Protein backbone atom coordinates (compact mmCIF):
# COMPACT_ATOMS: atom_id res chain seq x y z
CA MET A 1 -42.71 0.81 -1.92
CA SER A 2 -40.41 3.79 -2.46
CA ILE A 3 -36.65 4.14 -2.48
CA THR A 4 -34.31 7.09 -2.14
CA LEU A 5 -32.78 7.98 -5.51
CA THR A 6 -29.76 10.26 -5.71
CA THR A 7 -28.91 11.77 -9.09
CA TRP A 8 -25.54 13.43 -9.66
CA SER A 9 -24.88 15.72 -12.63
CA LEU A 10 -21.28 16.09 -13.79
CA GLU A 11 -19.55 18.13 -16.46
CA GLN A 12 -16.40 18.99 -18.34
CA THR A 13 -15.93 22.51 -19.68
CA SER A 14 -12.76 21.99 -21.72
CA PRO A 15 -11.29 19.14 -23.75
CA SER A 16 -8.27 19.37 -21.45
CA ASP A 17 -10.49 18.21 -18.54
CA LEU A 18 -10.52 14.69 -19.98
CA ARG A 19 -8.17 12.21 -18.33
CA PRO A 20 -8.36 9.32 -20.80
CA SER A 21 -8.08 5.66 -20.00
CA PRO A 22 -6.18 3.50 -22.51
CA ALA A 23 -7.66 0.53 -24.29
CA PRO A 24 -7.47 -2.61 -22.15
CA GLU A 25 -4.28 -4.55 -22.82
CA GLY A 26 -4.50 -8.00 -24.32
CA GLN A 27 -8.12 -7.61 -25.42
CA ASP A 28 -9.42 -7.15 -28.94
CA VAL A 29 -11.60 -4.09 -28.19
CA LYS A 30 -12.66 -1.61 -30.85
CA VAL A 31 -15.00 1.39 -30.58
CA VAL A 32 -17.04 2.09 -33.71
CA ARG A 33 -19.71 4.66 -34.49
CA ALA A 34 -23.08 3.22 -35.47
CA GLU A 35 -23.34 5.48 -38.54
CA VAL A 36 -26.62 4.10 -39.85
CA PRO A 37 -29.39 5.25 -37.48
CA SER A 38 -31.23 2.16 -36.28
CA ALA A 39 -34.01 2.30 -33.71
CA GLU A 40 -33.77 -1.48 -33.32
CA PHE A 41 -30.04 -1.46 -32.57
CA SER A 42 -30.38 1.50 -30.21
CA ARG A 43 -33.14 -0.28 -28.28
CA PHE A 44 -31.07 -3.48 -28.15
CA LEU A 45 -28.11 -1.59 -26.63
CA TYR A 46 -30.34 0.23 -24.17
CA THR A 47 -31.99 -2.94 -22.85
CA ALA A 48 -28.82 -5.05 -22.91
CA VAL A 49 -26.85 -2.48 -20.91
CA GLY A 50 -29.58 -1.13 -18.65
CA GLY A 51 -31.79 -4.12 -18.07
CA ASP A 52 -30.23 -5.08 -14.74
CA ILE A 53 -29.83 -1.52 -13.43
CA GLN A 54 -33.42 -0.35 -13.92
CA TRP A 55 -33.10 1.68 -17.08
CA THR A 56 -36.81 1.92 -17.81
CA ASP A 57 -37.45 5.48 -19.02
CA ARG A 58 -37.27 4.53 -22.72
CA LEU A 59 -39.02 1.15 -22.59
CA SER A 60 -42.43 2.61 -23.41
CA LEU A 61 -41.21 4.63 -26.41
CA THR A 62 -42.84 3.89 -29.74
CA TYR A 63 -40.85 2.98 -32.83
CA PRO A 64 -41.27 6.51 -34.27
CA GLN A 65 -40.00 7.98 -30.99
CA TRP A 66 -36.90 5.74 -31.08
CA ARG A 67 -36.30 6.76 -34.70
CA GLU A 68 -36.57 10.44 -33.78
CA ILE A 69 -33.84 9.98 -31.14
CA VAL A 70 -31.38 8.14 -33.38
CA GLU A 71 -32.04 10.30 -36.46
CA LYS A 72 -31.56 13.65 -34.69
CA PRO A 73 -28.79 15.57 -36.50
CA GLY A 74 -25.62 15.33 -34.44
CA ALA A 75 -26.83 12.42 -32.30
CA GLU A 76 -24.26 9.63 -32.23
CA ILE A 77 -23.96 6.16 -30.78
CA TRP A 78 -20.46 4.74 -30.29
CA VAL A 79 -20.27 1.02 -29.60
CA ALA A 80 -17.45 -0.95 -27.99
CA TYR A 81 -16.95 -4.40 -29.49
CA GLU A 82 -14.83 -7.18 -28.07
CA LYS A 83 -13.93 -9.73 -30.74
CA GLY A 84 -16.93 -8.60 -32.79
CA THR A 85 -19.48 -8.76 -29.97
CA PRO A 86 -21.14 -5.55 -28.70
CA ALA A 87 -19.82 -4.89 -25.19
CA GLY A 88 -21.34 -1.48 -24.42
CA TYR A 89 -22.10 1.93 -25.80
CA VAL A 90 -22.11 5.68 -25.31
CA GLU A 91 -24.90 7.84 -26.73
CA LEU A 92 -24.25 11.52 -27.47
CA ASP A 93 -27.07 14.06 -27.64
CA PRO A 94 -26.21 17.45 -29.18
CA GLN A 95 -27.89 20.34 -27.40
CA PRO A 96 -27.99 24.09 -28.09
CA ASP A 97 -25.08 26.44 -27.45
CA GLY A 98 -22.28 23.90 -27.96
CA VAL A 99 -23.45 21.51 -25.24
CA VAL A 100 -23.30 17.73 -25.65
CA GLU A 101 -24.95 15.38 -23.19
CA ILE A 102 -23.77 11.83 -22.71
CA VAL A 103 -27.31 10.51 -22.41
CA TYR A 104 -26.43 6.85 -21.92
CA PHE A 105 -23.20 5.03 -21.24
CA GLY A 106 -22.57 1.55 -19.99
CA LEU A 107 -21.50 -2.01 -20.57
CA ILE A 108 -23.47 -5.18 -21.08
CA PRO A 109 -23.16 -7.13 -17.78
CA ALA A 110 -20.90 -9.87 -19.21
CA PHE A 111 -18.30 -7.20 -20.13
CA ARG A 112 -18.21 -5.28 -16.85
CA GLY A 113 -15.07 -5.41 -14.71
CA ARG A 114 -12.77 -5.98 -17.69
CA ARG A 115 -11.36 -2.42 -18.01
CA ILE A 116 -13.46 -1.67 -21.09
CA GLY A 117 -15.62 1.01 -19.44
CA GLY A 118 -12.89 3.59 -18.83
CA HIS A 119 -11.67 3.26 -22.39
CA LEU A 120 -15.18 3.47 -23.88
CA LEU A 121 -16.06 6.50 -21.75
CA SER A 122 -12.81 8.23 -22.73
CA TYR A 123 -13.47 7.56 -26.40
CA GLY A 124 -17.05 8.80 -26.12
CA VAL A 125 -16.00 12.01 -24.35
CA GLU A 126 -13.40 12.67 -27.06
CA ARG A 127 -16.16 12.25 -29.69
CA ALA A 128 -18.38 14.66 -27.74
CA TRP A 129 -15.61 17.26 -27.83
CA ASP A 130 -14.99 16.85 -31.58
CA LEU A 131 -18.66 16.40 -32.58
CA ALA A 132 -18.68 19.59 -34.69
CA GLU A 133 -15.97 18.12 -36.94
CA ARG A 134 -18.48 15.48 -38.10
CA TRP A 135 -21.50 17.82 -38.14
CA PRO A 136 -20.50 21.03 -40.00
CA ASP A 137 -23.69 22.92 -39.07
CA ARG A 138 -22.93 22.49 -35.39
CA GLU A 139 -20.96 24.98 -33.31
CA PRO A 140 -17.89 23.66 -31.49
CA THR A 141 -18.50 21.87 -28.21
CA LYS A 142 -18.07 24.05 -25.11
CA ARG A 143 -19.42 21.68 -22.47
CA VAL A 144 -19.94 17.93 -22.07
CA TRP A 145 -22.21 16.74 -19.30
CA LEU A 146 -23.95 13.64 -17.99
CA HIS A 147 -25.85 12.37 -15.02
CA THR A 148 -25.61 9.17 -13.03
CA CYS A 149 -27.67 7.90 -10.16
CA SER A 150 -27.60 5.60 -7.18
CA LEU A 151 -29.19 2.82 -9.29
CA ASP A 152 -26.27 2.76 -11.74
CA GLY A 153 -23.36 0.36 -11.39
CA PRO A 154 -21.17 0.71 -8.29
CA HIS A 155 -18.17 1.95 -10.31
CA ALA A 156 -19.98 4.50 -12.50
CA MET A 157 -19.34 7.64 -10.41
CA ALA A 158 -15.67 6.79 -9.83
CA ASN A 159 -15.17 6.19 -13.57
CA TYR A 160 -16.68 9.61 -14.39
CA GLU A 161 -14.51 11.35 -11.81
CA ARG A 162 -11.35 9.54 -12.99
CA ARG A 163 -12.11 10.76 -16.53
CA GLY A 164 -12.14 14.38 -15.27
CA PHE A 165 -15.86 15.08 -14.79
CA ARG A 166 -16.77 17.48 -11.99
CA LEU A 167 -19.97 17.41 -9.94
CA PHE A 168 -22.25 20.41 -10.46
CA ASP A 169 -25.60 19.25 -9.06
CA THR A 170 -27.06 16.63 -6.74
CA LYS A 171 -30.76 15.79 -6.43
CA VAL A 172 -32.29 13.42 -3.87
CA GLU A 173 -35.87 12.21 -4.23
CA GLN A 174 -38.20 9.40 -3.23
CA VAL A 175 -39.30 7.27 -6.19
CA ALA A 176 -41.33 4.13 -6.61
CA GLU A 177 -39.17 1.04 -6.60
CA GLY A 178 -39.22 -0.40 -10.10
CA GLU A 179 -39.21 -3.97 -11.24
CA ASN A 180 -35.84 -5.14 -12.48
CA PRO A 181 -36.52 -7.73 -15.20
CA GLY A 182 -33.04 -7.75 -16.69
CA PRO A 183 -32.59 -7.32 -20.42
CA TRP A 184 -35.97 -9.07 -20.96
CA PRO A 185 -38.67 -10.42 -18.62
CA GLY A 186 -37.55 -13.72 -17.15
CA ALA A 187 -33.85 -13.22 -17.94
CA HIS A 188 -32.89 -13.56 -14.29
CA GLY A 189 -35.33 -16.43 -13.56
C-alpha cells in the first residue's frame, strides 16, 4: 500500500531570521551538547524520538556508519533534559560553504505538548549559527536549513515557521506505507 508523502524544505539565511522561543516556565529544562560522540546514544535518541512517526531511514545503519555520523568534525547533538531525563534532541550536520543542516529534531512522545520543542529548536538554531565558534576550521554559517514531512508531528511545520524558517521547496511523492513499531517492536502493543 502506498501513501502520499509531502516533504517541505525550509531555511534561514541570517541569524536575525531566528525568532526564539523562551524556555518553558516552571519546568527544569536544560539543553546540553553531547560532547562525547556516542553511536549508542545517538541511536537511542533517534529511535526514542522518531519511533512513533516512522523515522526509519537510519535503522539499518551499521555501528561503524553511526560512528561516522557522530564523529564527523562539526557534527553536534544538543539534548534537552527535563529534570535529568532526555526529552528530545537536535542534530546539526555541517555542510560545505557555511551551510548547516538540522538533520533531526524532535521530542520523545512523553515530552511533547509541554512547550519544550520551541525552546529546543531555538537553541539548536542558535548553535547552528555559531557552529564555527566551536569548530575553528569551519567557515561561519551562512545558511541553516531543514526538512520536515507529512509524517512528522502535527505541530512541526508551525514550530519551524514560528522560529523564522521560510519554505524554499516542496516535494510530493508516493511511497510505500511503512510499519510504525514505536521506539521498539511491540512498544505500542
